[in-house]
Amino acid sequence: MKAKSESLKGLGAKYGATLRRRYTKIYLMLKKRRNCPMCGSMRFKREAIGIWKCDKCNYKVAGGAYDL
Protein backbone atom coordinates (compact mmCIF):
# COMPACT_ATOMS: atom_id res chain seq x y z
CA MET A 1 0.00 0.00 0.00
CA LYS A 2 1.31 3.40 -0.96
CA ALA A 3 1.68 6.14 1.67
CA LYS A 4 -0.46 9.21 1.06
CA SER A 5 1.61 12.34 0.47
CA GLU A 6 0.96 15.45 2.51
CA SER A 7 -0.84 18.29 0.79
CA LEU A 8 -2.67 21.32 2.01
CA LYS A 9 -6.31 22.00 1.43
CA GLY A 10 -7.53 25.34 0.18
CA LEU A 11 -6.01 25.36 -3.29
CA GLY A 12 -8.66 24.23 -5.70
CA ALA A 13 -8.31 21.92 -8.66
CA LYS A 14 -7.75 24.83 -11.02
CA TYR A 15 -4.17 25.32 -9.77
CA GLY A 16 -2.99 21.79 -10.55
CA ALA A 17 -1.14 19.12 -8.61
CA THR A 18 2.36 20.46 -9.27
CA LEU A 19 1.63 23.89 -7.82
CA ARG A 20 -0.18 22.38 -4.83
CA ARG A 21 2.85 20.17 -4.13
CA ARG A 22 5.24 23.12 -4.46
CA TYR A 23 3.07 25.31 -2.20
CA THR A 24 2.82 22.54 0.41
CA LYS A 25 6.60 22.09 0.50
CA ILE A 26 7.22 25.81 1.05
CA TYR A 27 4.42 26.16 3.61
CA LEU A 28 5.64 23.21 5.69
CA MET A 29 9.21 24.56 5.58
CA LEU A 30 7.96 27.96 6.78
CA LYS A 31 5.92 26.56 9.69
CA LYS A 32 8.57 24.05 10.83
CA ARG A 33 9.68 24.34 14.45
CA ARG A 34 13.23 25.70 14.81
CA ASN A 35 15.82 26.05 17.55
CA CYS A 36 17.02 29.52 18.48
CA PRO A 37 20.74 29.88 17.67
CA MET A 38 21.35 31.81 20.92
CA CYS A 39 19.31 30.13 23.68
CA GLY A 40 18.33 26.85 22.02
CA SER A 41 14.59 27.17 22.71
CA MET A 42 12.03 26.00 20.15
CA ARG A 43 10.34 29.42 20.03
CA PHE A 44 12.19 30.73 16.97
CA LYS A 45 9.68 32.00 14.37
CA ARG A 46 9.42 34.27 11.37
CA GLU A 47 8.32 37.76 12.37
CA ALA A 48 8.17 39.24 8.86
CA ILE A 49 9.59 38.36 5.45
CA GLY A 50 13.28 37.72 6.06
CA ILE A 51 13.19 38.57 9.79
CA TRP A 52 13.37 35.74 12.34
CA LYS A 53 12.90 36.26 16.08
CA CYS A 54 13.07 34.18 19.25
CA ASP A 55 10.13 34.90 21.58
CA LYS A 56 12.11 33.79 24.64
CA CYS A 57 15.38 35.75 24.38
CA ASN A 58 14.34 38.40 21.77
CA TYR A 59 17.23 37.42 19.48
CA LYS A 60 16.60 38.74 15.95
CA VAL A 61 18.34 37.74 12.76
CA ALA A 62 17.84 38.42 9.06
CA GLY A 63 17.61 35.41 6.80
CA GLY A 64 15.62 33.98 3.94
CA ALA A 65 11.95 34.53 3.31
CA TYR A 66 10.87 30.95 4.07
CA ASP A 67 13.89 29.41 5.77
CA LEU A 68 16.96 30.62 7.58
PDB file of N, CA and C in Angstrom:
ATOM      1  N   MET A   1       0.838  -1.185   0.000  1.00  0.00           N
ATOM      2  CA  MET A   1       0.000   0.000   0.000  1.00  0.00           C
ATOM      3  C   MET A   1       0.880   1.244   0.000  1.00  0.00           C
ATOM      4  N   LYS A   2       0.529   2.191  -0.803  1.00  0.00           N
ATOM      5  CA  LYS A   2       1.309   3.405  -0.957  1.00  0.00           C
ATOM      6  C   LYS A   2       0.928   4.427   0.120  1.00  0.00           C
ATOM      7  N   ALA A   3       1.942   5.111   0.669  1.00  0.00           N
ATOM      8  CA  ALA A   3       1.675   6.140   1.675  1.00  0.00           C
ATOM      9  C   ALA A   3       1.123   7.388   0.986  1.00  0.00           C
ATOM     10  N   LYS A   4       0.143   8.001   1.611  1.00  0.00           N
ATOM     11  CA  LYS A   4      -0.458   9.207   1.058  1.00  0.00           C
ATOM     12  C   LYS A   4       0.464  10.392   1.319  1.00  0.00           C
ATOM     13  N   SER A   5       0.727  11.191   0.300  1.00  0.00           N
ATOM     14  CA  SER A   5       1.607  12.340   0.471  1.00  0.00           C
ATOM     15  C   SER A   5       0.837  13.481   1.138  1.00  0.00           C
ATOM     16  N   GLU A   6       1.581  14.311   1.837  1.00  0.00           N
ATOM     17  CA  GLU A   6       0.963  15.449   2.515  1.00  0.00           C
ATOM     18  C   GLU A   6       0.651  16.530   1.501  1.00  0.00           C
ATOM     19  N   SER A   7      -0.514  17.121   1.585  1.00  0.00           N
ATOM     20  CA  SER A   7      -0.844  18.286   0.791  1.00  0.00           C
ATOM     21  C   SER A   7      -1.836  19.127   1.575  1.00  0.00           C
ATOM     22  N   LEU A   8      -1.803  20.395   1.299  1.00  0.00           N
ATOM     23  CA  LEU A   8      -2.672  21.321   2.011  1.00  0.00           C
ATOM     24  C   LEU A   8      -3.985  21.486   1.270  1.00  0.00           C
ATOM     25  N   LYS A   9      -5.014  21.714   2.017  1.00  0.00           N
ATOM     26  CA  LYS A   9      -6.315  22.003   1.431  1.00  0.00           C
ATOM     27  C   LYS A   9      -6.379  23.511   1.174  1.00  0.00           C
ATOM     28  N   GLY A  10      -7.329  23.912   0.395  1.00  0.00           N
ATOM     29  CA  GLY A  10      -7.526  25.338   0.182  1.00  0.00           C
ATOM     30  C   GLY A  10      -7.168  25.788  -1.217  1.00  0.00           C
ATOM     31  N   LEU A  11      -6.288  25.053  -1.892  1.00  0.00           N
ATOM     32  CA  LEU A  11      -6.010  25.365  -3.287  1.00  0.00           C
ATOM     33  C   LEU A  11      -6.886  24.452  -4.125  1.00  0.00           C
ATOM     34  N   GLY A  12      -7.711  25.025  -4.923  1.00  0.00           N
ATOM     35  CA  GLY A  12      -8.660  24.233  -5.697  1.00  0.00           C
ATOM     36  C   GLY A  12      -8.006  23.467  -6.830  1.00  0.00           C
ATOM     37  N   ALA A  13      -8.797  22.747  -7.560  1.00  0.00           N
ATOM     38  CA  ALA A  13      -8.305  21.925  -8.658  1.00  0.00           C
ATOM     39  C   ALA A  13      -7.758  22.770  -9.798  1.00  0.00           C
ATOM     40  N   LYS A  14      -8.176  24.013  -9.885  1.00  0.00           N
ATOM     41  CA  LYS A  14      -7.749  24.826 -11.022  1.00  0.00           C
ATOM     42  C   LYS A  14      -6.258  25.160 -10.999  1.00  0.00           C
ATOM     43  N   TYR A  15      -5.593  24.993  -9.846  1.00  0.00           N
ATOM     44  CA  TYR A  15      -4.172  25.317  -9.768  1.00  0.00           C
ATOM     45  C   TYR A  15      -3.283  24.149 -10.159  1.00  0.00           C
ATOM     46  N   GLY A  16      -3.764  22.938 -10.119  1.00  0.00           N
ATOM     47  CA  GLY A  16      -2.991  21.793 -10.553  1.00  0.00           C
ATOM     48  C   GLY A  16      -2.190  21.161  -9.432  1.00  0.00           C
ATOM     49  N   ALA A  17      -1.836  19.904  -9.632  1.00  0.00           N
ATOM     50  CA  ALA A  17      -1.143  19.121  -8.605  1.00  0.00           C
ATOM     51  C   ALA A  17       0.275  19.609  -8.376  1.00  0.00           C
ATOM     52  N   THR A  18       0.964  20.021  -9.420  1.00  0.00           N
ATOM     53  CA  THR A  18       2.357  20.458  -9.275  1.00  0.00           C
ATOM     54  C   THR A  18       2.455  21.698  -8.404  1.00  0.00           C
ATOM     55  N   LEU A  19       1.595  22.666  -8.637  1.00  0.00           N
ATOM     56  CA  LEU A  19       1.627  23.888  -7.824  1.00  0.00           C
ATOM     57  C   LEU A  19       1.194  23.623  -6.389  1.00  0.00           C
ATOM     58  N   ARG A  20       0.230  22.725  -6.194  1.00  0.00           N
ATOM     59  CA  ARG A  20      -0.179  22.375  -4.831  1.00  0.00           C
ATOM     60  C   ARG A  20       0.965  21.709  -4.085  1.00  0.00           C
ATOM     61  N   ARG A  21       1.701  20.830  -4.749  1.00  0.00           N
ATOM     62  CA  ARG A  21       2.850  20.169  -4.126  1.00  0.00           C
ATOM     63  C   ARG A  21       3.938  21.178  -3.775  1.00  0.00           C
ATOM     64  N   ARG A  22       4.212  22.100  -4.678  1.00  0.00           N
ATOM     65  CA  ARG A  22       5.240  23.120  -4.460  1.00  0.00           C
ATOM     66  C   ARG A  22       4.847  24.037  -3.299  1.00  0.00           C
ATOM     67  N   TYR A  23       3.580  24.455  -3.266  1.00  0.00           N
ATOM     68  CA  TYR A  23       3.072  25.313  -2.197  1.00  0.00           C
ATOM     69  C   TYR A  23       3.136  24.595  -0.852  1.00  0.00           C
ATOM     70  N   THR A  24       2.789  23.320  -0.824  1.00  0.00           N
ATOM     71  CA  THR A  24       2.823  22.537   0.408  1.00  0.00           C
ATOM     72  C   THR A  24       4.235  22.442   0.955  1.00  0.00           C
ATOM     73  N   LYS A  25       5.198  22.199   0.077  1.00  0.00           N
ATOM     74  CA  LYS A  25       6.601  22.088   0.496  1.00  0.00           C
ATOM     75  C   LYS A  25       7.092  23.383   1.139  1.00  0.00           C
ATOM     76  N   ILE A  26       6.793  24.516   0.520  1.00  0.00           N
ATOM     77  CA  ILE A  26       7.222  25.810   1.048  1.00  0.00           C
ATOM     78  C   ILE A  26       6.502  26.131   2.346  1.00  0.00           C
ATOM     79  N   TYR A  27       5.196  25.861   2.409  1.00  0.00           N
ATOM     80  CA  TYR A  27       4.419  26.163   3.610  1.00  0.00           C
ATOM     81  C   TYR A  27       4.901  25.345   4.804  1.00  0.00           C
ATOM     82  N   LEU A  28       5.164  24.051   4.596  1.00  0.00           N
ATOM     83  CA  LEU A  28       5.635  23.209   5.694  1.00  0.00           C
ATOM     84  C   LEU A  28       7.033  23.619   6.149  1.00  0.00           C
ATOM     85  N   MET A  29       7.881  24.072   5.211  1.00  0.00           N
ATOM     86  CA  MET A  29       9.208  24.557   5.578  1.00  0.00           C
ATOM     87  C   MET A  29       9.086  25.834   6.415  1.00  0.00           C
ATOM     88  N   LEU A  30       8.152  26.703   6.056  1.00  0.00           N
ATOM     89  CA  LEU A  30       7.960  27.961   6.778  1.00  0.00           C
ATOM     90  C   LEU A  30       7.468  27.725   8.199  1.00  0.00           C
ATOM     91  N   LYS A  31       6.544  26.789   8.384  1.00  0.00           N
ATOM     92  CA  LYS A  31       5.924  26.564   9.686  1.00  0.00           C
ATOM     93  C   LYS A  31       6.686  25.574  10.573  1.00  0.00           C
ATOM     94  N   LYS A  32       7.797  25.030  10.081  1.00  0.00           N
ATOM     95  CA  LYS A  32       8.567  24.048  10.832  1.00  0.00           C
ATOM     96  C   LYS A  32       9.110  24.660  12.131  1.00  0.00           C
ATOM     97  N   ARG A  33       9.158  23.866  13.183  1.00  0.00           N
ATOM     98  CA  ARG A  33       9.682  24.341  14.455  1.00  0.00           C
ATOM     99  C   ARG A  33      11.205  24.400  14.381  1.00  0.00           C
ATOM    100  N   ARG A  34      11.787  25.494  14.894  1.00  0.00           N
ATOM    101  CA  ARG A  34      13.229  25.704  14.811  1.00  0.00           C
ATOM    102  C   ARG A  34      13.811  26.030  16.179  1.00  0.00           C
ATOM    103  N   ASN A  35      15.083  25.688  16.337  1.00  0.00           N
ATOM    104  CA  ASN A  35      15.818  26.048  17.548  1.00  0.00           C
ATOM    105  C   ASN A  35      16.390  27.444  17.396  1.00  0.00           C
ATOM    106  N   CYS A  36      16.378  28.210  18.466  1.00  0.00           N
ATOM    107  CA  CYS A  36      17.018  29.524  18.484  1.00  0.00           C
ATOM    108  C   CYS A  36      18.535  29.316  18.508  1.00  0.00           C
ATOM    109  N   PRO A  37      19.289  30.033  17.676  1.00  0.00           N
ATOM    110  CA  PRO A  37      20.741  29.882  17.672  1.00  0.00           C
ATOM    111  C   PRO A  37      21.398  30.364  18.973  1.00  0.00           C
ATOM    112  N   MET A  38      20.744  31.264  19.692  1.00  0.00           N
ATOM    113  CA  MET A  38      21.346  31.814  20.917  1.00  0.00           C
ATOM    114  C   MET A  38      21.001  30.979  22.155  1.00  0.00           C
ATOM    115  N   CYS A  39      19.711  30.779  22.422  1.00  0.00           N
ATOM    116  CA  CYS A  39      19.310  30.133  23.679  1.00  0.00           C
ATOM    117  C   CYS A  39      18.902  28.674  23.505  1.00  0.00           C
ATOM    118  N   GLY A  40      18.676  28.237  22.270  1.00  0.00           N
ATOM    119  CA  GLY A  40      18.331  26.845  22.018  1.00  0.00           C
ATOM    120  C   GLY A  40      16.864  26.495  22.216  1.00  0.00           C
ATOM    121  N   SER A  41      16.015  27.462  22.528  1.00  0.00           N
ATOM    122  CA  SER A  41      14.590  27.166  22.713  1.00  0.00           C
ATOM    123  C   SER A  41      13.931  26.918  21.362  1.00  0.00           C
ATOM    124  N   MET A  42      12.765  26.307  21.386  1.00  0.00           N
ATOM    125  CA  MET A  42      12.032  26.001  20.154  1.00  0.00           C
ATOM    126  C   MET A  42      11.028  27.108  19.813  1.00  0.00           C
ATOM    127  N   ARG A  43      11.281  28.318  20.248  1.00  0.00           N
ATOM    128  CA  ARG A  43      10.339  29.419  20.033  1.00  0.00           C
ATOM    129  C   ARG A  43      10.866  30.404  18.989  1.00  0.00           C
ATOM    130  N   PHE A  44      11.594  29.912  18.023  1.00  0.00           N
ATOM    131  CA  PHE A  44      12.188  30.730  16.970  1.00  0.00           C
ATOM    132  C   PHE A  44      11.237  30.734  15.777  1.00  0.00           C
ATOM    133  N   LYS A  45      10.693  31.900  15.424  1.00  0.00           N
ATOM    134  CA  LYS A  45       9.683  32.003  14.374  1.00  0.00           C
ATOM    135  C   LYS A  45       9.987  33.163  13.441  1.00  0.00           C
ATOM    136  N   ARG A  46       9.307  33.162  12.312  1.00  0.00           N
ATOM    137  CA  ARG A  46       9.420  34.273  11.372  1.00  0.00           C
ATOM    138  C   ARG A  46       8.517  35.401  11.832  1.00  0.00           C
ATOM    139  N   GLU A  47       9.083  36.582  11.962  1.00  0.00           N
ATOM    140  CA  GLU A  47       8.320  37.761  12.373  1.00  0.00           C
ATOM    141  C   GLU A  47       7.766  38.496  11.151  1.00  0.00           C
ATOM    142  N   ALA A  48       8.571  38.626  10.125  1.00  0.00           N
ATOM    143  CA  ALA A  48       8.174  39.239   8.859  1.00  0.00           C
ATOM    144  C   ALA A  48       9.009  38.561   7.771  1.00  0.00           C
ATOM    145  N   ILE A  49       8.832  38.978   6.538  1.00  0.00           N
ATOM    146  CA  ILE A  49       9.591  38.362   5.454  1.00  0.00           C
ATOM    147  C   ILE A  49      11.075  38.646   5.668  1.00  0.00           C
ATOM    148  N   GLY A  50      11.835  37.595   5.892  1.00  0.00           N
ATOM    149  CA  GLY A  50      13.284  37.721   6.057  1.00  0.00           C
ATOM    150  C   GLY A  50      13.736  38.065   7.465  1.00  0.00           C
ATOM    151  N   ILE A  51      12.823  38.237   8.410  1.00  0.00           N
ATOM    152  CA  ILE A  51      13.187  38.570   9.793  1.00  0.00           C
ATOM    153  C   ILE A  51      12.712  37.450  10.702  1.00  0.00           C
ATOM    154  N   TRP A  52      13.644  36.854  11.443  1.00  0.00           N
ATOM    155  CA  TRP A  52      13.372  35.740  12.344  1.00  0.00           C
ATOM    156  C   TRP A  52      13.658  36.173  13.765  1.00  0.00           C
ATOM    157  N   LYS A  53      12.779  35.791  14.712  1.00  0.00           N
ATOM    158  CA  LYS A  53      12.899  36.259  16.084  1.00  0.00           C
ATOM    159  C   LYS A  53      12.584  35.137  17.063  1.00  0.00           C
ATOM    160  N   CYS A  54      13.340  35.110  18.160  1.00  0.00           N
ATOM    161  CA  CYS A  54      13.065  34.184  19.252  1.00  0.00           C
ATOM    162  C   CYS A  54      12.181  34.904  20.259  1.00  0.00           C
ATOM    163  N   ASP A  55      11.049  34.285  20.626  1.00  0.00           N
ATOM    164  CA  ASP A  55      10.133  34.901  21.581  1.00  0.00           C
ATOM    165  C   ASP A  55      10.684  34.868  23.007  1.00  0.00           C
ATOM    166  N   LYS A  56      11.588  33.950  23.276  1.00  0.00           N
ATOM    167  CA  LYS A  56      12.105  33.793  24.637  1.00  0.00           C
ATOM    168  C   LYS A  56      13.210  34.806  24.957  1.00  0.00           C
ATOM    169  N   CYS A  57      14.229  34.887  24.076  1.00  0.00           N
ATOM    170  CA  CYS A  57      15.381  35.754  24.385  1.00  0.00           C
ATOM    171  C   CYS A  57      15.426  37.018  23.535  1.00  0.00           C
ATOM    172  N   ASN A  58      14.434  37.228  22.659  1.00  0.00           N
ATOM    173  CA  ASN A  58      14.339  38.396  21.775  1.00  0.00           C
ATOM    174  C   ASN A  58      15.504  38.530  20.810  1.00  0.00           C
ATOM    175  N   TYR A  59      16.158  37.430  20.472  1.00  0.00           N
ATOM    176  CA  TYR A  59      17.232  37.422  19.478  1.00  0.00           C
ATOM    177  C   TYR A  59      16.601  37.562  18.104  1.00  0.00           C
ATOM    178  N   LYS A  60      17.115  38.495  17.294  1.00  0.00           N
ATOM    179  CA  LYS A  60      16.602  38.737  15.951  1.00  0.00           C
ATOM    180  C   LYS A  60      17.715  38.533  14.942  1.00  0.00           C
ATOM    181  N   VAL A  61      17.350  37.954  13.824  1.00  0.00           N
ATOM    182  CA  VAL A  61      18.335  37.737  12.758  1.00  0.00           C
ATOM    183  C   VAL A  61      17.625  37.867  11.419  1.00  0.00           C
ATOM    184  N   ALA A  62      18.374  38.353  10.416  1.00  0.00           N
ATOM    185  CA  ALA A  62      17.836  38.425   9.058  1.00  0.00           C
ATOM    186  C   ALA A  62      18.244  37.169   8.313  1.00  0.00           C
ATOM    187  N   GLY A  63      17.327  36.630   7.548  1.00  0.00           N
ATOM    188  CA  GLY A  63      17.611  35.412   6.797  1.00  0.00           C
ATOM    189  C   GLY A  63      16.742  35.358   5.564  1.00  0.00           C
ATOM    190  N   GLY A  64      16.442  34.165   5.123  1.00  0.00           N
ATOM    191  CA  GLY A  64      15.625  33.981   3.938  1.00  0.00           C
ATOM    192  C   GLY A  64      14.152  34.220   4.225  1.00  0.00           C
ATOM    193  N   ALA A  65      13.369  34.269   3.168  1.00  0.00           N
ATOM    194  CA  ALA A  65      11.946  34.531   3.308  1.00  0.00           C
ATOM    195  C   ALA A  65      11.206  33.358   3.952  1.00  0.00           C
ATOM    196  N   TYR A  66      11.582  32.121   3.585  1.00  0.00           N
ATOM    197  CA  TYR A  66      10.868  30.955   4.070  1.00  0.00           C
ATOM    198  C   TYR A  66      11.695  30.085   5.006  1.00  0.00           C
ATOM    199  N   ASP A  67      13.001  30.236   4.963  1.00  0.00           N
ATOM    200  CA  ASP A  67      13.891  29.411   5.772  1.00  0.00           C
ATOM    201  C   ASP A  67      15.139  30.226   6.094  1.00  0.00           C
ATOM    202  N   LEU A  68      15.734  29.906   7.207  1.00  0.00           N
ATOM    203  CA  LEU A  68      16.958  30.620   7.581  1.00  0.00           C
ATOM    204  C   LEU A  68      18.114  30.246   6.712  1.00  0.00           C
TER     205      LEU A  68
END
